[in-house]
Amino acid sequence: MPVVSRLAPLAAVLASLALLVAPASASVPNGTYECFNLGYNFTLKAHDKYKVQTGGGGKWTSKGSKVKFKSGPMDFAYGKLRKDQTGAPVIDLYDVGDDTYYDNCPKV
């Protein structure tokens, strides 16, 4: 039996184990998120820009599951991405200054 064929199953097992050990990277998907308690929605766009339904926009960035609004009308808040019970993305908004919870904003 050639050496290559004996190593193939071992390589497959190691590759599967690597998937179990590797951390899942959460990237924040672009799109529109509706914030019911705040009374408006915002749209995360490509190139780290966003727009707010009520007017204006600014820049945003993300690292893992955290969203930071760097400028514009949402710069008072930061967000944490999570999935709801159906697996759809939701951004929970918090105050930058004192971490007060504002709203959960599901992607629409």
C-alpha atoms as a PDB file:
ATOM      1  CA  MET A   1       0.000   0.000   0.000  1.00  0.00           C
ATOM      2  CA  PRO A   2       1.478   3.367  -0.981  1.00  0.00           C
ATOM      3  CA  VAL A   3       2.317   5.825   1.806  1.00  0.00           C
ATOM      4  CA  VAL A   4       0.021   8.485   0.331  1.00  0.00           C
ATOM      5  CA  SER A   5      -3.093   6.322   0.571  1.00  0.00           C
ATOM      6  CA  ARG A   6      -2.327   5.411   4.214  1.00  0.00           C
ATOM      7  CA  LEU A   7      -1.954   9.091   5.152  1.00  0.00           C
ATOM      8  CA  ALA A   8      -5.151  10.272   3.424  1.00  0.00           C
ATOM      9  CA  PRO A   9      -7.520   9.128   6.226  1.00  0.00           C
ATOM     10  CA  LEU A  10      -5.212  10.669   8.844  1.00  0.00           C
ATOM     11  CA  ALA A  11      -5.205  13.972   6.961  1.00  0.00           C
ATOM     12  CA  ALA A  12      -9.020  13.931   6.801  1.00  0.00           C
ATOM     13  CA  VAL A  13      -9.284  13.339  10.556  1.00  0.00           C
ATOM     14  CA  LEU A  14      -6.808  16.136  11.316  1.00  0.00           C
ATOM     15  CA  ALA A  15      -8.678  18.528   9.032  1.00  0.00           C
ATOM     16  CA  SER A  16     -11.984  17.767  10.818  1.00  0.00           C
ATOM     17  CA  LEU A  17     -10.383  18.301  14.225  1.00  0.00           C
ATOM     18  CA  ALA A  18      -8.999  21.650  13.083  1.00  0.00           C
ATOM     19  CA  LEU A  19     -12.541  22.782  12.240  1.00  0.00           C
ATOM     20  CA  LEU A  20     -13.709  21.881  15.744  1.00  0.00           C
ATOM     21  CA  VAL A  21     -10.853  23.721  17.446  1.00  0.00           C
ATOM     22  CA  ALA A  22     -10.767  26.836  15.243  1.00  0.00           C
ATOM     23  CA  PRO A  23     -12.833  29.714  16.650  1.00  0.00           C
ATOM     24  CA  ALA A  24     -15.827  30.750  14.603  1.00  0.00           C
ATOM     25  CA  SER A  25     -15.281  34.203  13.192  1.00  0.00           C
ATOM     26  CA  ALA A  26     -18.359  36.346  13.459  1.00  0.00           C
ATOM     27  CA  SER A  27     -18.484  38.954  10.775  1.00  0.00           C
ATOM     28  CA  VAL A  28     -21.214  41.550  10.832  1.00  0.00           C
ATOM     29  CA  PRO A  29     -23.301  41.251   7.650  1.00  0.00           C
ATOM     30  CA  ASN A  30     -24.143  44.368   5.661  1.00  0.00           C
ATOM     31  CA  GLY A  31     -27.828  45.192   5.352  1.00  0.00           C
ATOM     32  CA  THR A  32     -30.680  47.029   7.041  1.00  0.00           C
ATOM     33  CA  TYR A  33     -31.339  46.618  10.768  1.00  0.00           C
ATOM     34  CA  GLU A  34     -34.619  47.823  12.283  1.00  0.00           C
ATOM     35  CA  CYS A  35     -34.526  49.319  15.785  1.00  0.00           C
ATOM     36  CA  PHE A  36     -38.107  49.367  17.084  1.00  0.00           C
ATOM     37  CA  ASN A  37     -37.478  51.128  20.427  1.00  0.00           C
ATOM     38  CA  LEU A  38     -35.337  53.839  18.843  1.00  0.00           C
ATOM     39  CA  GLY A  39     -37.918  54.347  16.096  1.00  0.00           C
ATOM     40  CA  TYR A  40     -35.671  54.061  13.028  1.00  0.00           C
ATOM     41  CA  ASN A  41     -33.452  51.711  11.101  1.00  0.00           C
ATOM     42  CA  PHE A  42     -29.913  51.868   9.819  1.00  0.00           C
ATOM     43  CA  THR A  43     -28.186  50.243   6.875  1.00  0.00           C
ATOM     44  CA  LEU A  44     -24.637  48.965   7.103  1.00  0.00           C
ATOM     45  CA  LYS A  45     -23.042  49.377   3.690  1.00  0.00           C
ATOM     46  CA  ALA A  46     -19.820  48.239   2.111  1.00  0.00           C
ATOM     47  CA  HIS A  47     -16.636  50.211   2.669  1.00  0.00           C
ATOM     48  CA  ASP A  48     -17.550  50.750   6.345  1.00  0.00           C
ATOM     49  CA  LYS A  49     -20.271  53.333   5.713  1.00  0.00           C
ATOM     50  CA  TYR A  50     -23.802  53.387   7.086  1.00  0.00           C
ATOM     51  CA  LYS A  51     -27.011  55.346   6.523  1.00  0.00           C
ATOM     52  CA  VAL A  52     -29.816  56.091   8.958  1.00  0.00           C
ATOM     53  CA  GLN A  53     -33.440  56.087   7.788  1.00  0.00           C
ATOM     54  CA  THR A  54     -34.115  59.461   9.428  1.00  0.00           C
ATOM     55  CA  GLY A  55     -31.202  61.039   7.552  1.00  0.00           C
ATOM     56  CA  GLY A  56     -27.475  61.161   7.745  1.00  0.00           C
ATOM     57  CA  GLY A  57     -24.860  58.517   8.000  1.00  0.00           C
ATOM     58  CA  GLY A  58     -21.295  57.927   8.940  1.00  0.00           C
ATOM     59  CA  LYS A  59     -18.546  55.354   9.287  1.00  0.00           C
ATOM     60  CA  TRP A  60     -18.608  52.065  11.152  1.00  0.00           C
ATOM     61  CA  THR A  61     -16.159  49.290  11.822  1.00  0.00           C
ATOM     62  CA  SER A  62     -16.375  45.805  13.251  1.00  0.00           C
ATOM     63  CA  LYS A  63     -14.085  43.413  15.017  1.00  0.00           C
ATOM     64  CA  GLY A  64     -15.466  39.956  15.549  1.00  0.00           C
ATOM     65  CA  SER A  65     -19.053  40.389  16.678  1.00  0.00           C
ATOM     66  CA  LYS A  66     -18.700  44.008  17.880  1.00  0.00           C
ATOM     67  CA  VAL A  67     -19.838  47.000  15.837  1.00  0.00           C
ATOM     68  CA  LYS A  68     -18.463  50.474  16.476  1.00  0.00           C
ATOM     69  CA  PHE A  69     -20.079  53.555  14.948  1.00  0.00           C
ATOM     70  CA  LYS A  70     -17.126  55.889  14.436  1.00  0.00           C
ATOM     71  CA  SER A  71     -19.004  58.973  13.225  1.00  0.00           C
ATOM     72  CA  GLY A  72     -22.446  60.301  12.374  1.00  0.00           C
ATOM     73  CA  PRO A  73     -25.812  60.048  14.138  1.00  0.00           C
ATOM     74  CA  MET A  74     -25.107  56.602  15.660  1.00  0.00           C
ATOM     75  CA  ASP A  75     -21.767  57.452  17.267  1.00  0.00           C
ATOM     76  CA  PHE A  76     -23.478  57.400  20.700  1.00  0.00           C
ATOM     77  CA  ALA A  77     -23.783  53.606  20.482  1.00  0.00           C
ATOM     78  CA  TYR A  78     -21.918  50.390  19.852  1.00  0.00           C
ATOM     79  CA  GLY A  79     -23.391  47.039  18.949  1.00  0.00           C
ATOM     80  CA  LYS A  80     -22.971  43.344  19.590  1.00  0.00           C
ATOM     81  CA  LEU A  81     -23.979  40.883  16.900  1.00  0.00           C
ATOM     82  CA  ARG A  82     -25.904  37.764  17.868  1.00  0.00           C
ATOM     83  CA  LYS A  83     -28.286  35.325  16.194  1.00  0.00           C
ATOM     84  CA  ASP A  84     -31.953  35.025  17.122  1.00  0.00           C
ATOM     85  CA  GLN A  85     -33.764  31.695  17.560  1.00  0.00           C
ATOM     86  CA  THR A  86     -34.116  31.326  13.784  1.00  0.00           C
ATOM     87  CA  GLY A  87     -30.445  32.074  13.125  1.00  0.00           C
ATOM     88  CA  ALA A  88     -31.063  35.578  11.742  1.00  0.00           C
ATOM     89  CA  PRO A  89     -28.564  38.316  12.700  1.00  0.00           C
ATOM     90  CA  VAL A  90     -29.509  40.842  15.394  1.00  0.00           C
ATOM     91  CA  ILE A  91     -27.422  43.781  16.627  1.00  0.00           C
ATOM     92  CA  ASP A  92     -27.938  44.728  20.273  1.00  0.00           C
ATOM     93  CA  LEU A  93     -27.180  48.440  20.795  1.00  0.00           C
ATOM     94  CA  TYR A  94     -25.525  49.867  23.923  1.00  0.00           C
ATOM     95  CA  ASP A  95     -24.478  53.362  25.020  1.00  0.00           C
ATOM     96  CA  VAL A  96     -20.789  54.119  24.491  1.00  0.00           C
ATOM     97  CA  GLY A  97     -20.487  56.044  27.761  1.00  0.00           C
ATOM     98  CA  ASP A  98     -22.172  53.829  30.340  1.00  0.00           C
ATOM     99  CA  ASP A  99     -23.096  50.573  28.511  1.00  0.00           C
ATOM    100  CA  THR A 100     -26.849  51.197  28.906  1.00  0.00           C
ATOM    101  CA  TYR A 101     -28.829  48.812  26.713  1.00  0.00           C
ATOM    102  CA  TYR A 102     -30.882  50.613  24.031  1.00  0.00           C
ATOM    103  CA  ASP A 103     -32.440  48.202  21.612  1.00  0.00           C
ATOM    104  CA  ASN A 104     -32.187  44.986  19.663  1.00  0.00           C
ATOM    105  CA  CYS A 105     -32.124  45.590  15.934  1.00  0.00           C
ATOM    106  CA  PRO A 106     -32.915  42.546  13.761  1.00  0.00           C
ATOM    107  CA  LYS A 107     -31.758  42.470  10.154  1.00  0.00           C
ATOM    108  CA  VAL A 108     -34.692  42.985   7.794  1.00  0.00           C
END
